[in-house]
Protein backbone atom coordinates (compact mmCIF):
# COMPACT_ATOMS: atom_id res chain seq x y z
CA MET A 1 -108.54 86.02 33.23
CA LYS A 2 -106.11 86.56 36.08
CA MET A 3 -107.53 83.48 37.80
CA MET A 4 -106.92 81.39 34.65
CA ILE A 5 -103.31 82.61 34.44
CA LYS A 6 -102.79 81.78 38.10
CA ASN A 7 -104.27 78.31 37.66
CA THR A 8 -102.20 77.71 34.53
CA THR A 9 -99.06 78.81 36.35
CA LEU A 10 -99.93 76.54 39.25
CA LEU A 11 -100.49 73.59 36.92
CA LEU A 12 -97.22 74.25 35.10
CA GLY A 13 -95.41 74.47 38.42
CA CYS A 14 -96.90 71.19 39.60
CA SER A 15 -96.07 69.59 36.28
CA THR A 16 -92.47 70.76 36.50
CA PHE A 17 -92.21 69.58 40.10
CA LEU A 18 -93.64 66.15 39.27
CA SER A 19 -91.35 65.90 36.25
CA CYS A 20 -88.30 66.67 38.39
CA LEU A 21 -89.53 64.26 41.04
CA ALA A 22 -89.97 61.51 38.45
CA SER A 23 -86.55 62.29 37.05
CA SER A 24 -85.09 62.09 40.55
CA PHE A 25 -86.72 58.72 41.16
CA SER A 26 -85.51 57.53 37.75
CA LEU A 27 -81.92 58.55 38.50
CA SER A 28 -82.15 56.96 41.93
CA ALA A 29 -83.43 53.72 40.43
CA LYS A 30 -80.67 53.76 37.81
CA SER A 31 -77.96 54.26 40.44
CA ASN A 32 -79.16 51.06 42.10
CA THR A 33 -79.18 49.09 38.86
CA PRO A 34 -76.01 50.03 36.99
CA ASN A 35 -74.91 48.09 33.95
CA ILE A 36 -71.71 46.10 34.39
CA VAL A 37 -68.97 45.64 31.79
CA LEU A 38 -66.24 43.32 33.05
CA ILE A 39 -63.19 43.23 30.77
CA MET A 40 -60.56 40.59 31.47
CA ALA A 41 -57.26 40.49 29.62
CA ASP A 42 -55.19 37.29 29.50
CA ASP A 43 -51.59 36.98 30.74
CA MET A 44 -51.08 40.74 30.90
CA GLY A 45 -48.17 42.06 32.92
CA TYR A 46 -48.66 44.51 35.79
CA ALA A 47 -46.78 47.23 33.89
CA ASP A 48 -47.85 46.50 30.31
CA PHE A 49 -49.81 49.77 30.11
CA GLY A 50 -48.73 53.39 30.07
CA CYS A 51 -50.76 54.22 33.17
CA TYR A 52 -48.69 51.62 35.05
CA GLY A 53 -45.36 52.94 33.78
CA ASN A 54 -44.84 51.27 30.40
CA THR A 55 -43.04 53.50 27.88
CA ILE A 56 -43.04 51.11 24.90
CA ASN A 57 -46.63 49.91 24.47
CA LYS A 58 -49.01 52.62 23.27
CA THR A 59 -52.19 52.24 25.33
CA PRO A 60 -54.02 55.59 25.25
CA HIS A 61 -57.51 54.15 25.75
CA ILE A 62 -56.69 52.05 28.81
CA ASP A 63 -54.67 54.98 30.16
CA ARG A 64 -57.71 57.24 29.69
CA LEU A 65 -59.88 54.72 31.53
CA ALA A 66 -57.50 55.05 34.50
CA GLU A 67 -57.42 58.86 34.22
CA LYS A 68 -61.21 58.99 34.35
CA GLY A 69 -61.54 56.31 37.03
CA MET A 70 -59.61 54.53 39.77
CA LYS A 71 -56.33 52.63 39.44
CA PHE A 72 -55.39 49.91 41.92
CA THR A 73 -51.80 49.12 42.91
CA ASP A 74 -52.41 46.01 45.02
CA PHE A 75 -55.00 43.95 43.14
CA HIS A 76 -54.46 40.19 42.98
CA THR A 77 -55.91 37.31 41.04
CA ASN A 78 -56.87 34.23 43.04
CA GLY A 79 -54.73 32.02 40.84
CA ALA A 80 -51.39 32.45 39.14
CA VAL A 81 -52.90 30.79 36.06
CA SER A 82 -56.18 31.00 34.18
CA SER A 83 -58.87 28.55 35.34
CA PRO A 84 -58.43 29.04 39.11
CA THR A 85 -58.86 32.81 38.82
CA ARG A 86 -61.93 32.44 36.61
CA ALA A 87 -63.51 29.99 39.07
CA ALA A 88 -62.97 32.42 41.96
CA LEU A 89 -64.27 35.33 39.89
CA MET A 90 -67.47 33.49 39.03
CA THR A 91 -68.16 32.14 42.54
CA GLY A 92 -66.69 34.71 44.94
CA ARG A 93 -64.94 31.85 46.71
CA TYR A 94 -61.45 30.42 46.84
CA GLN A 95 -61.29 28.13 43.82
CA GLN A 96 -60.13 25.22 45.99
CA TYR A 97 -63.71 24.81 47.24
CA TYR A 98 -64.56 23.70 43.69
CA GLY A 99 -61.42 21.60 43.21
CA ILE A 100 -59.99 23.90 40.54
CA GLU A 101 -56.43 24.53 41.65
CA GLY A 102 -54.82 24.06 38.24
CA VAL A 103 -55.38 24.82 34.58
CA ILE A 104 -58.22 22.91 32.93
CA THR A 105 -56.08 21.72 30.04
CA ALA A 106 -57.41 20.39 26.75
CA ALA A 107 -55.15 17.35 26.81
CA ASN A 108 -55.98 15.73 30.13
CA HIS A 109 -58.76 17.57 31.96
CA ARG A 110 -61.68 17.40 29.52
CA LYS A 111 -63.94 15.91 32.19
CA THR A 112 -63.21 18.70 34.67
CA GLY A 113 -65.10 21.95 35.05
CA LEU A 114 -66.91 24.34 37.34
CA ASP A 115 -69.80 22.55 39.05
CA PRO A 116 -73.00 23.61 37.21
CA SER A 117 -74.78 23.81 40.58
CA ALA A 118 -72.34 26.46 41.83
CA THR A 119 -73.71 29.87 42.75
CA THR A 120 -72.18 32.29 40.24
CA ILE A 121 -72.26 36.03 39.74
CA ALA A 122 -74.21 35.45 36.52
CA LYS A 123 -76.89 33.41 38.33
CA LEU A 124 -77.22 36.01 41.07
CA LEU A 125 -77.51 38.95 38.67
CA ARG A 126 -79.91 37.11 36.38
CA ALA A 127 -82.16 36.42 39.38
CA ASN A 128 -82.13 40.19 39.93
CA ASN A 129 -83.49 40.87 36.42
CA TYR A 130 -80.10 41.41 34.74
CA GLU A 131 -79.33 40.15 31.26
CA THR A 132 -76.08 38.16 31.46
CA VAL A 133 -73.78 37.91 28.46
CA ILE A 134 -70.28 36.53 27.86
CA TYR A 135 -68.21 37.02 24.71
CA GLY A 136 -64.74 35.46 24.85
CA LYS A 137 -62.77 32.90 26.83
CA TRP A 138 -64.54 30.62 29.33
CA HIS A 139 -61.90 28.03 30.38
CA LEU A 140 -64.04 26.48 33.10
CA GLY A 141 -64.86 23.19 31.41
CA TYR A 142 -64.98 21.58 27.97
CA GLN A 143 -68.10 19.44 28.25
CA LYS A 144 -71.43 21.01 27.37
CA LYS A 145 -72.67 20.70 30.94
CA PHE A 146 -69.96 23.20 31.94
CA ASN A 147 -70.96 25.71 29.25
CA PRO A 148 -71.62 29.27 30.49
CA ILE A 149 -75.32 29.01 29.59
CA HIS A 150 -75.61 26.36 32.32
CA LEU A 151 -73.92 28.60 34.89
CA GLY A 152 -76.09 31.68 34.64
CA PHE A 153 -75.37 33.32 31.28
CA ASP A 154 -78.12 34.09 28.79
CA GLN A 155 -75.70 34.40 25.87
CA PHE A 156 -72.30 32.91 25.09
CA VAL A 157 -70.12 33.43 22.05
CA GLY A 158 -66.49 32.41 22.37
CA TYR A 159 -64.23 29.49 23.23
CA VAL A 160 -63.90 27.08 26.13
CA SER A 161 -60.20 26.11 26.05
CA GLY A 162 -57.14 27.91 27.39
CA ASN A 163 -56.22 29.43 24.05
CA ILE A 164 -57.01 29.21 20.37
CA ASP A 165 -55.38 30.35 17.16
CA TYR A 166 -56.41 33.99 16.86
CA PHE A 167 -57.60 33.44 13.28
CA SER A 168 -58.61 29.78 12.79
CA HIS A 169 -59.95 29.39 16.37
CA ILE A 170 -58.38 25.94 16.72
CA ASP A 171 -57.18 24.98 20.19
CA GLN A 172 -53.78 23.54 21.10
CA GLU A 173 -55.06 19.97 20.66
CA GLY A 174 -56.33 20.54 17.14
CA TYR A 175 -60.04 21.00 17.91
CA GLU A 176 -62.28 23.72 16.51
CA ASP A 177 -63.24 25.88 19.46
CA TRP A 178 -65.66 28.70 18.69
CA TRP A 179 -69.14 28.41 20.13
CA HIS A 180 -72.54 30.06 20.03
CA GLN A 181 -74.26 28.96 23.23
CA ASP A 182 -73.32 25.25 23.55
CA GLN A 183 -73.02 24.57 19.82
CA LEU A 184 -69.87 24.77 17.68
CA HIS A 185 -70.18 27.68 15.28
CA PRO A 186 -67.04 28.35 13.18
CA GLU A 187 -66.60 32.03 12.43
CA GLU A 188 -63.95 34.20 10.81
CA GLY A 189 -62.13 36.98 12.59
CA TYR A 190 -59.17 37.93 14.78
CA THR A 191 -60.40 37.04 18.26
CA THR A 192 -59.65 40.44 19.82
CA HIS A 193 -61.66 42.16 17.09
CA LEU A 194 -64.36 39.50 16.97
CA ILE A 195 -65.11 39.74 20.70
CA THR A 196 -65.24 43.53 20.39
CA ASP A 197 -67.56 43.37 17.36
CA TYR A 198 -70.02 41.29 19.36
CA ALA A 199 -69.74 43.66 22.32
CA GLU A 200 -70.40 46.72 20.15
CA ARG A 201 -73.44 45.16 18.50
CA TYR A 202 -74.83 44.18 21.88
CA LEU A 203 -74.32 47.63 23.42
CA LYS A 204 -76.06 49.31 20.47
CA GLN A 205 -79.22 47.26 21.00
CA LYS A 206 -82.22 48.54 22.91
CA HIS A 207 -81.99 47.29 26.50
CA ASP A 208 -85.17 46.68 28.47
CA LYS A 209 -83.25 45.65 31.56
CA PRO A 210 -79.77 46.24 33.03
CA PHE A 211 -76.98 44.03 31.75
CA PHE A 212 -73.85 42.22 32.90
CA LEU A 213 -71.47 42.02 29.94
CA TYR A 214 -68.42 39.84 30.61
CA LEU A 215 -65.63 40.20 28.04
CA PRO A 216 -62.74 37.80 28.76
CA PHE A 217 -60.34 38.50 25.88
CA GLU A 218 -57.72 36.09 24.57
CA ALA A 219 -55.16 38.88 24.30
CA CYS A 220 -52.40 38.72 25.17
CA HIS A 221 -52.07 34.95 25.64
CA GLY A 222 -50.03 32.95 23.14
CA PRO A 223 -49.87 32.08 20.31
CA TRP A 224 -48.19 35.38 19.48
CA GLN A 225 -50.27 36.71 16.59
CA GLY A 226 -50.85 40.34 15.74
CA PRO A 227 -53.99 41.48 13.91
CA ASN A 228 -52.25 41.43 10.52
CA ASP A 229 -50.76 37.93 10.83
CA GLU A 230 -52.08 34.59 9.58
CA ALA A 231 -53.31 31.37 11.15
CA ILE A 232 -50.67 28.91 12.36
CA ARG A 233 -53.05 26.12 13.41
CA LEU A 234 -55.13 24.62 10.62
CA ILE A 235 -57.20 21.54 9.89
CA LYS A 236 -56.61 20.38 6.31
CA GLU A 237 -58.51 17.40 4.92
CA GLY A 238 -59.33 16.33 8.44
CA LYS A 239 -55.72 16.54 9.67
CA TYR A 240 -54.40 19.00 12.25
CA GLU A 241 -51.39 20.95 11.03
CA THR A 242 -49.30 23.60 12.74
CA TYR A 243 -46.97 26.15 11.22
CA ASP A 244 -44.17 28.30 12.53
CA GLY A 245 -45.32 31.66 13.77
CA ARG A 246 -43.48 34.95 13.84
CA LYS A 247 -39.90 35.09 15.00
CA ASP A 248 -40.18 38.64 16.32
CA ILE A 249 -42.53 37.65 19.13
CA LYS A 250 -41.78 40.77 21.18
CA THR A 251 -43.11 42.95 18.39
CA ALA A 252 -46.07 40.61 17.96
CA TYR A 253 -46.83 40.93 21.66
CA ARG A 254 -46.73 44.72 21.48
CA GLU A 255 -49.14 44.62 18.53
CA MET A 256 -51.47 42.37 20.55
CA VAL A 257 -51.39 44.76 23.53
CA GLU A 258 -52.09 47.77 21.35
CA SER A 259 -54.89 45.96 19.51
CA LEU A 260 -56.51 45.16 22.86
CA ASP A 261 -56.17 48.80 23.89
CA GLU A 262 -57.84 49.93 20.67
CA CYS A 263 -60.73 47.55 21.33
CA VAL A 264 -61.16 48.75 24.91
CA GLY A 265 -61.43 52.23 23.41
CA ARG A 266 -64.12 51.03 20.99
CA ILE A 267 -66.15 49.55 23.85
CA VAL A 268 -65.94 52.72 25.97
CA LYS A 269 -66.82 54.88 22.96
CA THR A 270 -69.87 52.72 22.20
CA LEU A 271 -71.03 53.11 25.80
CA GLU A 272 -70.67 56.88 25.53
CA GLU A 273 -72.36 57.19 22.13
CA ASN A 274 -75.36 55.16 23.27
CA GLY A 275 -75.95 57.04 26.51
CA LEU A 276 -74.84 54.12 28.66
CA SER A 277 -71.57 55.36 30.12
CA ASP A 278 -72.84 57.28 33.16
CA ASN A 279 -74.76 54.28 34.46
CA THR A 280 -72.18 51.60 33.65
CA LEU A 281 -69.45 50.29 35.94
CA VAL A 282 -66.47 49.15 33.85
CA LEU A 283 -63.81 46.94 35.43
CA PHE A 284 -60.58 46.01 33.64
CA PHE A 285 -57.93 43.53 34.81
CA SER A 286 -55.98 40.38 33.85
CA ASP A 287 -56.57 36.74 34.79
CA ASN A 288 -53.04 36.36 36.21
CA GLY A 289 -49.60 37.90 36.02
CA GLY A 290 -47.79 38.23 32.73
CA ALA A 291 -45.71 35.52 31.08
CA LYS A 292 -42.23 35.95 29.64
CA LEU A 293 -43.02 38.74 27.15
CA SER A 294 -44.84 40.86 29.72
CA ASP A 295 -43.61 43.62 31.99
CA ASN A 296 -44.39 42.70 35.61
CA SER A 297 -42.14 45.36 37.13
CA PRO A 298 -41.49 46.20 39.85
CA TRP A 299 -42.46 42.70 41.01
CA SER A 300 -40.51 39.46 40.67
CA GLY A 301 -41.93 36.34 39.08
CA TYR A 302 -44.23 35.52 36.19
CA LYS A 303 -47.43 33.66 35.45
CA GLY A 304 -47.55 30.40 37.42
CA SER A 305 -45.48 31.77 40.29
CA LEU A 306 -46.58 32.71 43.79
CA LEU A 307 -44.10 35.57 43.65
CA GLU A 308 -46.00 38.85 43.26
CA GLY A 309 -45.50 38.94 39.49
CA GLY A 310 -47.57 35.77 39.16
CA HIS A 311 -50.77 37.19 40.61
CA ARG A 312 -50.50 40.95 41.22
CA VAL A 313 -52.09 42.62 38.20
CA SER A 314 -53.24 46.00 36.98
CA PHE A 315 -56.87 46.80 37.82
CA ILE A 316 -58.92 49.80 36.69
CA ALA A 317 -62.47 50.79 37.64
CA HIS A 318 -64.48 53.41 35.74
CA TRP A 319 -67.91 54.68 36.78
CA PRO A 320 -68.70 58.34 36.08
CA GLN A 321 -70.29 60.28 38.98
CA GLN A 322 -69.55 57.38 41.32
CA ILE A 323 -65.75 56.99 41.14
CA LYS A 324 -63.50 60.03 41.46
CA ALA A 325 -61.48 60.58 38.30
CA GLY A 326 -57.74 60.00 38.63
CA SER A 327 -58.00 58.30 42.01
CA VAL A 328 -55.63 55.58 43.17
CA SER A 329 -56.23 52.83 45.72
CA ASN A 330 -53.49 50.92 47.51
CA GLU A 331 -55.96 48.52 49.16
CA THR A 332 -55.31 44.79 48.82
CA ILE A 333 -58.10 43.30 46.70
CA MET A 334 -58.59 39.84 45.13
CA SER A 335 -60.62 38.74 42.13
CA MET A 336 -63.03 36.82 44.39
CA ASP A 337 -64.01 40.22 45.84
CA ILE A 338 -65.63 41.24 42.56
CA LEU A 339 -68.78 39.12 43.06
CA PRO A 340 -69.86 40.68 46.39
CA THR A 341 -68.91 44.12 45.06
CA LEU A 342 -71.14 43.77 42.01
CA CYS A 343 -73.95 42.41 44.15
CA GLU A 344 -73.77 45.41 46.47
CA ALA A 345 -73.52 47.85 43.56
CA THR A 346 -76.61 46.36 41.90
CA SER A 347 -78.63 45.76 45.09
CA THR A 348 -78.53 42.04 44.32
CA PRO A 349 -79.22 39.79 47.33
CA LEU A 350 -76.06 37.95 48.34
CA GLU A 351 -77.37 34.52 49.23
CA GLY A 352 -74.86 31.78 50.03
CA VAL A 353 -71.33 31.42 51.40
CA PHE A 354 -68.61 33.63 49.96
CA ASP A 355 -64.96 34.33 50.76
CA GLY A 356 -64.79 37.62 48.90
CA HIS A 357 -65.52 41.01 50.47
CA SER A 358 -67.19 43.95 48.73
CA PHE A 359 -64.90 46.87 47.89
CA LEU A 360 -67.70 49.16 46.71
CA SER A 361 -66.83 51.71 49.42
CA VAL A 362 -63.26 51.72 48.10
CA LEU A 363 -64.57 52.57 44.64
CA LYS A 364 -66.95 55.28 45.82
CA SER A 365 -65.07 56.80 48.76
CA ASN A 366 -61.55 55.34 48.58
CA ASP A 367 -62.17 53.70 51.96
CA MET A 368 -59.94 51.08 53.54
CA MET A 369 -60.70 47.37 53.41
CA PRO A 370 -61.12 45.48 56.70
CA GLU A 371 -58.00 43.66 57.88
CA ARG A 372 -57.89 40.05 56.72
CA ILE A 373 -55.47 37.29 55.75
CA LEU A 374 -55.48 36.27 52.08
CA PHE A 375 -54.27 32.98 50.62
CA TRP A 376 -52.88 31.51 47.40
CA ARG A 377 -52.04 27.89 46.65
CA THR A 378 -50.77 26.04 43.61
CA GLY A 379 -48.95 22.72 43.45
CA ASN A 380 -46.67 22.36 46.46
CA ALA A 381 -46.59 26.07 47.24
CA VAL A 382 -48.94 28.02 49.47
CA CYS A 383 -48.72 31.57 50.75
CA ALA A 384 -50.56 33.87 53.15
CA ARG A 385 -50.65 37.66 53.08
CA GLN A 386 -51.45 39.85 56.09
CA GLY A 387 -50.85 43.53 55.57
CA SER A 388 -47.39 43.78 54.02
CA TRP A 389 -46.28 40.42 55.47
CA LYS A 390 -46.18 37.48 53.08
CA LEU A 391 -45.36 33.92 54.09
CA THR A 392 -44.67 31.33 51.39
CA LEU A 393 -44.33 27.65 52.29
CA ASN A 394 -43.28 24.49 50.52
CA ARG A 395 -46.06 22.11 51.53
CA LYS A 396 -43.76 19.07 51.31
CA THR A 397 -40.80 20.34 53.32
CA GLY A 398 -42.48 22.96 55.52
CA HIS A 399 -39.70 25.42 54.71
CA GLY A 400 -40.26 28.77 53.12
CA SER A 401 -39.80 32.51 53.26
CA LEU A 402 -41.24 35.51 55.07
CA VAL A 403 -40.96 38.90 53.40
CA ASP A 404 -42.15 42.43 54.09
CA LEU A 405 -43.51 43.71 50.78
CA SER A 406 -43.51 47.32 51.99
CA VAL A 407 -39.70 47.37 51.78
CA ASP A 408 -38.94 44.31 49.64
CA VAL A 409 -40.90 44.29 46.38
CA LYS A 410 -38.50 41.76 44.82
CA GLU A 411 -39.03 39.31 47.74
CA LYS A 412 -35.28 38.81 48.16
CA ASN A 413 -34.85 39.37 51.90
CA ASN A 414 -36.05 36.30 53.84
CA LEU A 415 -37.03 37.31 57.38
CA TRP A 416 -38.03 33.79 58.45
CA ASN A 417 -35.50 33.59 61.29
CA GLN A 418 -35.98 37.17 62.49
CA TYR A 419 -39.75 36.91 63.02
CA PRO A 420 -40.60 33.37 64.19
CA GLU A 421 -43.87 34.48 65.81
CA LYS A 422 -45.15 35.97 62.55
CA VAL A 423 -44.12 32.80 60.70
CA GLU A 424 -46.01 30.65 63.18
CA SER A 425 -49.17 32.78 63.18
CA LEU A 426 -49.38 32.78 59.39
CA ARG A 427 -48.57 29.06 59.24
CA LYS A 428 -51.51 28.38 61.56
CA ALA A 429 -53.74 30.61 59.44
CA ILE A 430 -52.81 28.54 56.38
CA GLU A 431 -53.63 25.30 58.21
CA GLN A 432 -57.05 26.63 59.23
CA TRP A 433 -57.75 27.82 55.69
CA GLU A 434 -56.77 24.50 54.11
CA ALA A 435 -58.94 22.60 56.60
CA GLY A 436 -62.00 24.23 55.06
CA PHE A 437 -61.64 22.34 51.78
CA LYS A 438 -59.70 19.32 53.01
CA GLU A 439 -62.35 16.91 51.73
CA VAL A 440 -62.58 18.53 48.29
CA LYS A 441 -60.57 16.61 45.72
CA GLN A 442 -58.22 19.00 43.94
CA PHE A 443 -56.71 18.65 40.52
CA SER A 444 -53.55 20.45 39.60
CA ASP A 445 -51.63 20.24 36.35
CA ARG A 446 -48.28 18.90 37.53
CA SER A 447 -46.48 20.63 34.67
CA ILE A 448 -47.10 23.88 36.47
CA PRO A 449 -44.62 24.62 39.25
CA GLY A 450 -45.62 25.77 42.68
CA GLY A 451 -44.32 29.24 42.16
CA ALA A 452 -41.72 30.39 44.67
CA MET A 453 -41.31 26.80 45.91
CA ASP A 454 -40.87 25.16 42.52
CA THR A 455 -41.58 21.47 41.94
CA GLY A 456 -38.55 21.28 39.71
CA VAL A 457 -39.99 22.31 36.34
CA SER A 458 -38.90 25.58 34.79
CA TRP A 459 -41.92 27.81 34.23
CA GLN A 460 -39.99 29.90 31.73
CA LEU A 461 -39.41 26.79 29.60
CA ILE A 462 -43.09 25.91 29.81
CA VAL A 463 -44.28 29.26 28.48
CA GLU A 464 -41.66 29.23 25.74
CA ASN A 465 -42.50 25.75 24.49
CA SER A 466 -46.27 25.51 24.95
CA GLN A 467 -49.42 27.53 25.31
CA ILE A 468 -51.14 26.32 28.46
CA GLY A 469 -53.88 28.24 30.33
């Protein structure tokens, strides 16, 4: 009898040990294959959220994401407008290598898009057994050959233009623009809510493999429509008609921000309720700096500008047990860095040529990034950033400005004459960078100014009178 008890105890002990061992292996495997939820807002200002200092917009859910994760103070989009940033995000390269330096507008760039043969984050993750899904704004080509399903995504529901009516889903040229895969599929719903509904349904499904869920929201791009408003772009009897929207656009914008915040909260709650949160890396940021209704403080400039306000955006990363809650990083990061970061986080082979650099060690250990020079270019303006030094040049005249962002956040104090050696070294760096894509034909919407070195068109007038990218 004693022998039986001993044997039973031994068997139970072995069983417990093996169970713990299996659990350990399971957790280890999970940590190498986290789910990814990438949330991109549109035209959001650096300080549009409470966690970045806003006292007007109520954003408790985004604020909580920052409290439970890491907030970045020096994150930049590759472009100061939509399409360039999205191209860099997808490819991990400067968008100029794909010729996408301007907005892919509905009016005059319908034949332009991201090369379907490009290596994208979706293609890389799918090759590593990830399910790849996008719900929301694509803006990397209108023709079907540029559709997300031809660039690595298994599922696509959303729109391909720069913006649509939040209710009728008609673009600024009068075309219906709501797709399932590469087929038009008209559907009712306020876009912020509709994208979130799809995300919730997807997250509640049973998942046999890890997933990459990309949620590029329309909010808070124009037209300025809150969730309780009505459509202002309609097609009646085959004719495109537009109607005046709200006059109190500042209030409408606040409603749009707060609606987005509510939907971010819904997504995070769904992750938690379905046991997905601990093994899911959530990233939240905007495609470029805010337009006229946004709060880009303390930076100068708006969307379309190479001043900091045009491309420095809020960025939040949330990953329980991997990212220290309430942490802050001051490292300089760009949107093209996301691809190599996700590849490292998911143990996905990084095959090809990339300009981005993984910041996974920043997320996990708040490490420092290696020193490098970063570049932006739009229209006739180009700038280089090395540490706190920022050189901006007018490509036609060769003149420009040199500022030290560590003491001059408004970029008012031009140090060009005081530091000629720094000017020359950064000028040479720009020349070397541009030589890399010299043979690539660029397109750039000439209605968009070159930021700090304007081409003569007022960006503020553009955003007031139209709804581009």
